[in-house]
Amino acid sequence: MKPRRSIYETLWEILRCCREPKRFTQIIQECNLNTIKAKKYLDLLLKKKLLEKKGSYFMTTSKGEEYIDLFNKLYERIFDKPRNS
């Protein structure tokens, strides 16, 4: 059984997914989320300006890219291997 993701991993995955503009349903499918959790996480990312919404598309901001980079560095330090970015 695969261990559950932390909230930080889930946010990282959403931000990585949205490097290319994505619709809500695409994010749910690619990040393996249910609707309730996806809405909660997207609202948080929008509020923190890590993600922006243009029409019906979500996109990672430059601040979101910083989060991705920091998360990757932290992951490498802890596990001595790079996270797939």
N, C-alpha and C. Protein backbone atom coordinates (compact mmCIF):
# COMPACT_ATOMS: atom_id res chain seq x y z
N MET A 1 0.85 -1.18 0.00
CA MET A 1 0.00 0.00 0.00
C MET A 1 0.89 1.24 0.00
N LYS A 2 0.58 2.14 -0.86
CA LYS A 2 1.36 3.37 -1.00
C LYS A 2 1.00 4.34 0.14
N PRO A 3 2.02 4.95 0.77
CA PRO A 3 1.70 5.89 1.85
C PRO A 3 0.99 7.13 1.33
N ARG A 4 0.21 7.75 2.20
CA ARG A 4 -0.52 8.97 1.81
C ARG A 4 0.44 10.13 1.63
N ARG A 5 0.02 11.07 0.80
CA ARG A 5 0.82 12.28 0.59
C ARG A 5 0.54 13.27 1.70
N SER A 6 1.56 14.05 2.02
CA SER A 6 1.34 15.15 2.96
C SER A 6 0.68 16.29 2.18
N ILE A 7 0.16 17.27 2.91
CA ILE A 7 -0.44 18.43 2.25
C ILE A 7 0.62 19.14 1.40
N TYR A 8 1.87 19.16 1.88
CA TYR A 8 2.94 19.85 1.15
C TYR A 8 3.24 19.16 -0.17
N GLU A 9 3.20 17.83 -0.16
CA GLU A 9 3.40 17.08 -1.40
C GLU A 9 2.25 17.30 -2.37
N THR A 10 1.04 17.34 -1.85
CA THR A 10 -0.13 17.57 -2.69
C THR A 10 -0.09 18.95 -3.32
N LEU A 11 0.26 19.96 -2.53
CA LEU A 11 0.37 21.32 -3.07
C LEU A 11 1.45 21.38 -4.14
N TRP A 12 2.59 20.72 -3.88
CA TRP A 12 3.69 20.65 -4.85
C TRP A 12 3.20 20.02 -6.16
N GLU A 13 2.45 18.94 -6.03
CA GLU A 13 1.96 18.23 -7.21
C GLU A 13 0.99 19.09 -8.02
N ILE A 14 0.10 19.81 -7.34
CA ILE A 14 -0.84 20.70 -8.03
C ILE A 14 -0.08 21.81 -8.76
N LEU A 15 0.87 22.42 -8.07
CA LEU A 15 1.64 23.51 -8.68
C LEU A 15 2.43 23.01 -9.89
N ARG A 16 3.01 21.84 -9.76
CA ARG A 16 3.75 21.25 -10.88
C ARG A 16 2.82 20.98 -12.06
N CYS A 17 1.66 20.46 -11.76
CA CYS A 17 0.66 20.15 -12.79
C CYS A 17 0.23 21.42 -13.53
N CYS A 18 0.12 22.52 -12.80
CA CYS A 18 -0.41 23.76 -13.37
C CYS A 18 0.66 24.65 -13.99
N ARG A 19 1.84 24.10 -14.22
CA ARG A 19 2.85 24.87 -14.97
C ARG A 19 2.31 25.16 -16.37
N GLU A 20 1.52 24.25 -16.86
CA GLU A 20 0.77 24.44 -18.10
C GLU A 20 -0.66 24.73 -17.65
N PRO A 21 -1.38 25.63 -18.31
CA PRO A 21 -2.75 25.94 -17.88
C PRO A 21 -3.63 24.69 -17.84
N LYS A 22 -4.33 24.51 -16.73
CA LYS A 22 -5.19 23.33 -16.53
C LYS A 22 -6.55 23.74 -16.00
N ARG A 23 -7.56 23.00 -16.43
CA ARG A 23 -8.91 23.16 -15.90
C ARG A 23 -9.05 22.35 -14.62
N PHE A 24 -10.09 22.67 -13.85
CA PHE A 24 -10.34 22.01 -12.57
C PHE A 24 -10.35 20.49 -12.70
N THR A 25 -11.09 19.97 -13.69
CA THR A 25 -11.20 18.51 -13.84
C THR A 25 -9.86 17.88 -14.22
N GLN A 26 -9.05 18.59 -15.00
CA GLN A 26 -7.73 18.07 -15.35
C GLN A 26 -6.85 17.94 -14.11
N ILE A 27 -6.93 18.92 -13.23
CA ILE A 27 -6.14 18.91 -12.00
C ILE A 27 -6.57 17.73 -11.12
N ILE A 28 -7.88 17.55 -10.99
CA ILE A 28 -8.41 16.44 -10.18
C ILE A 28 -7.89 15.11 -10.71
N GLN A 29 -7.94 14.93 -12.02
CA GLN A 29 -7.52 13.66 -12.61
C GLN A 29 -6.01 13.46 -12.51
N GLU A 30 -5.23 14.47 -12.87
CA GLU A 30 -3.77 14.32 -12.88
C GLU A 30 -3.17 14.21 -11.49
N CYS A 31 -3.80 14.84 -10.51
CA CYS A 31 -3.26 14.84 -9.14
C CYS A 31 -3.98 13.84 -8.24
N ASN A 32 -4.92 13.10 -8.81
CA ASN A 32 -5.66 12.07 -8.08
C ASN A 32 -6.30 12.63 -6.81
N LEU A 33 -7.15 13.63 -6.98
CA LEU A 33 -7.84 14.29 -5.86
C LEU A 33 -9.35 14.14 -6.01
N ASN A 34 -10.06 14.25 -4.90
CA ASN A 34 -11.51 14.34 -5.01
C ASN A 34 -11.89 15.82 -5.10
N THR A 35 -13.11 16.10 -5.46
CA THR A 35 -13.56 17.47 -5.70
C THR A 35 -13.43 18.36 -4.47
N ILE A 36 -13.78 17.84 -3.31
CA ILE A 36 -13.75 18.64 -2.08
C ILE A 36 -12.32 19.04 -1.73
N LYS A 37 -11.41 18.07 -1.74
CA LYS A 37 -10.01 18.37 -1.42
C LYS A 37 -9.40 19.29 -2.47
N ALA A 38 -9.69 19.05 -3.73
CA ALA A 38 -9.13 19.88 -4.80
C ALA A 38 -9.56 21.33 -4.61
N LYS A 39 -10.83 21.56 -4.32
CA LYS A 39 -11.32 22.93 -4.11
C LYS A 39 -10.60 23.58 -2.94
N LYS A 40 -10.46 22.84 -1.84
CA LYS A 40 -9.78 23.35 -0.65
C LYS A 40 -8.33 23.75 -0.98
N TYR A 41 -7.61 22.88 -1.65
CA TYR A 41 -6.21 23.15 -1.97
C TYR A 41 -6.07 24.28 -2.99
N LEU A 42 -6.93 24.30 -3.98
CA LEU A 42 -6.86 25.37 -4.98
C LEU A 42 -7.18 26.73 -4.35
N ASP A 43 -8.17 26.77 -3.47
CA ASP A 43 -8.49 28.02 -2.77
C ASP A 43 -7.29 28.51 -1.96
N LEU A 44 -6.62 27.59 -1.27
CA LEU A 44 -5.43 27.95 -0.49
C LEU A 44 -4.32 28.49 -1.39
N LEU A 45 -4.06 27.80 -2.49
CA LEU A 45 -3.00 28.23 -3.41
C LEU A 45 -3.32 29.58 -4.06
N LEU A 46 -4.58 29.81 -4.37
CA LEU A 46 -4.99 31.10 -4.93
C LEU A 46 -4.84 32.20 -3.89
N LYS A 47 -5.25 31.93 -2.68
CA LYS A 47 -5.18 32.91 -1.59
C LYS A 47 -3.72 33.32 -1.33
N LYS A 48 -2.82 32.35 -1.38
CA LYS A 48 -1.40 32.60 -1.13
C LYS A 48 -0.65 33.08 -2.38
N LYS A 49 -1.39 33.23 -3.48
CA LYS A 49 -0.84 33.72 -4.75
C LYS A 49 0.25 32.81 -5.33
N LEU A 50 0.12 31.52 -5.06
CA LEU A 50 1.01 30.53 -5.65
C LEU A 50 0.42 30.02 -6.97
N LEU A 51 -0.86 30.28 -7.14
CA LEU A 51 -1.61 29.87 -8.31
C LEU A 51 -2.50 31.03 -8.71
N GLU A 52 -2.75 31.16 -10.00
CA GLU A 52 -3.67 32.20 -10.46
C GLU A 52 -4.69 31.55 -11.39
N LYS A 53 -5.85 32.18 -11.47
CA LYS A 53 -6.91 31.66 -12.32
C LYS A 53 -7.17 32.66 -13.43
N LYS A 54 -7.11 32.16 -14.66
CA LYS A 54 -7.42 32.98 -15.84
C LYS A 54 -8.56 32.30 -16.57
N GLY A 55 -9.73 32.88 -16.45
CA GLY A 55 -10.92 32.24 -17.02
C GLY A 55 -11.20 30.96 -16.27
N SER A 56 -11.22 29.85 -16.98
CA SER A 56 -11.46 28.56 -16.32
C SER A 56 -10.16 27.77 -16.14
N TYR A 57 -9.02 28.43 -16.36
CA TYR A 57 -7.72 27.76 -16.26
C TYR A 57 -6.94 28.22 -15.04
N PHE A 58 -6.24 27.28 -14.43
CA PHE A 58 -5.35 27.57 -13.30
C PHE A 58 -3.91 27.50 -13.79
N MET A 59 -3.08 28.43 -13.30
CA MET A 59 -1.67 28.46 -13.71
C MET A 59 -0.79 28.77 -12.49
N THR A 60 0.36 28.13 -12.44
CA THR A 60 1.34 28.37 -11.38
C THR A 60 1.97 29.74 -11.59
N THR A 61 2.10 30.51 -10.51
CA THR A 61 2.74 31.83 -10.57
C THR A 61 4.24 31.68 -10.30
N SER A 62 4.97 32.78 -10.40
CA SER A 62 6.40 32.74 -10.10
C SER A 62 6.62 32.39 -8.63
N LYS A 63 5.74 32.84 -7.77
CA LYS A 63 5.81 32.49 -6.35
C LYS A 63 5.57 30.98 -6.17
N GLY A 64 4.70 30.42 -6.98
CA GLY A 64 4.45 28.98 -6.97
C GLY A 64 5.67 28.20 -7.45
N GLU A 65 6.37 28.74 -8.43
CA GLU A 65 7.60 28.11 -8.92
C GLU A 65 8.65 28.08 -7.81
N GLU A 66 8.70 29.13 -7.00
CA GLU A 66 9.63 29.16 -5.86
C GLU A 66 9.31 28.04 -4.88
N TYR A 67 8.02 27.82 -4.63
CA TYR A 67 7.60 26.73 -3.74
C TYR A 67 8.08 25.39 -4.30
N ILE A 68 7.90 25.17 -5.59
CA ILE A 68 8.33 23.92 -6.22
C ILE A 68 9.83 23.73 -6.02
N ASP A 69 10.62 24.76 -6.28
CA ASP A 69 12.07 24.67 -6.13
C ASP A 69 12.48 24.38 -4.68
N LEU A 70 11.86 25.09 -3.74
CA LEU A 70 12.18 24.87 -2.32
C LEU A 70 11.80 23.46 -1.88
N PHE A 71 10.65 22.99 -2.31
CA PHE A 71 10.21 21.65 -1.95
C PHE A 71 11.17 20.61 -2.51
N ASN A 72 11.60 20.80 -3.77
CA ASN A 72 12.54 19.86 -4.39
C ASN A 72 13.85 19.82 -3.61
N LYS A 73 14.37 20.98 -3.21
CA LYS A 73 15.63 21.04 -2.44
C LYS A 73 15.48 20.35 -1.09
N LEU A 74 14.38 20.60 -0.42
CA LEU A 74 14.13 19.96 0.87
C LEU A 74 14.04 18.45 0.72
N TYR A 75 13.32 17.99 -0.27
CA TYR A 75 13.16 16.56 -0.52
C TYR A 75 14.51 15.91 -0.76
N GLU A 76 15.36 16.55 -1.57
CA GLU A 76 16.69 16.01 -1.85
C GLU A 76 17.52 15.90 -0.58
N ARG A 77 17.45 16.91 0.27
CA ARG A 77 18.23 16.88 1.51
C ARG A 77 17.77 15.79 2.45
N ILE A 78 16.49 15.59 2.54
CA ILE A 78 15.96 14.59 3.47
C ILE A 78 16.18 13.17 2.95
N PHE A 79 15.90 12.94 1.69
CA PHE A 79 15.92 11.59 1.14
C PHE A 79 17.13 11.28 0.27
N ASP A 80 18.02 12.23 0.10
CA ASP A 80 19.24 12.04 -0.71
C ASP A 80 18.95 11.58 -2.14
N LYS A 81 17.81 12.01 -2.64
CA LYS A 81 17.49 11.73 -4.04
C LYS A 81 16.53 12.80 -4.54
N PRO A 82 16.62 13.14 -5.82
CA PRO A 82 15.73 14.20 -6.35
C PRO A 82 14.28 13.72 -6.47
N ARG A 83 13.36 14.65 -6.27
CA ARG A 83 11.93 14.41 -6.50
C ARG A 83 11.69 14.62 -7.98
N ASN A 84 10.85 13.85 -8.60
CA ASN A 84 10.56 14.02 -10.03
C ASN A 84 9.89 15.36 -10.26
N SER A 85 10.62 16.30 -10.86
CA SER A 85 10.03 17.62 -11.11
C SER A 85 9.90 17.84 -12.55
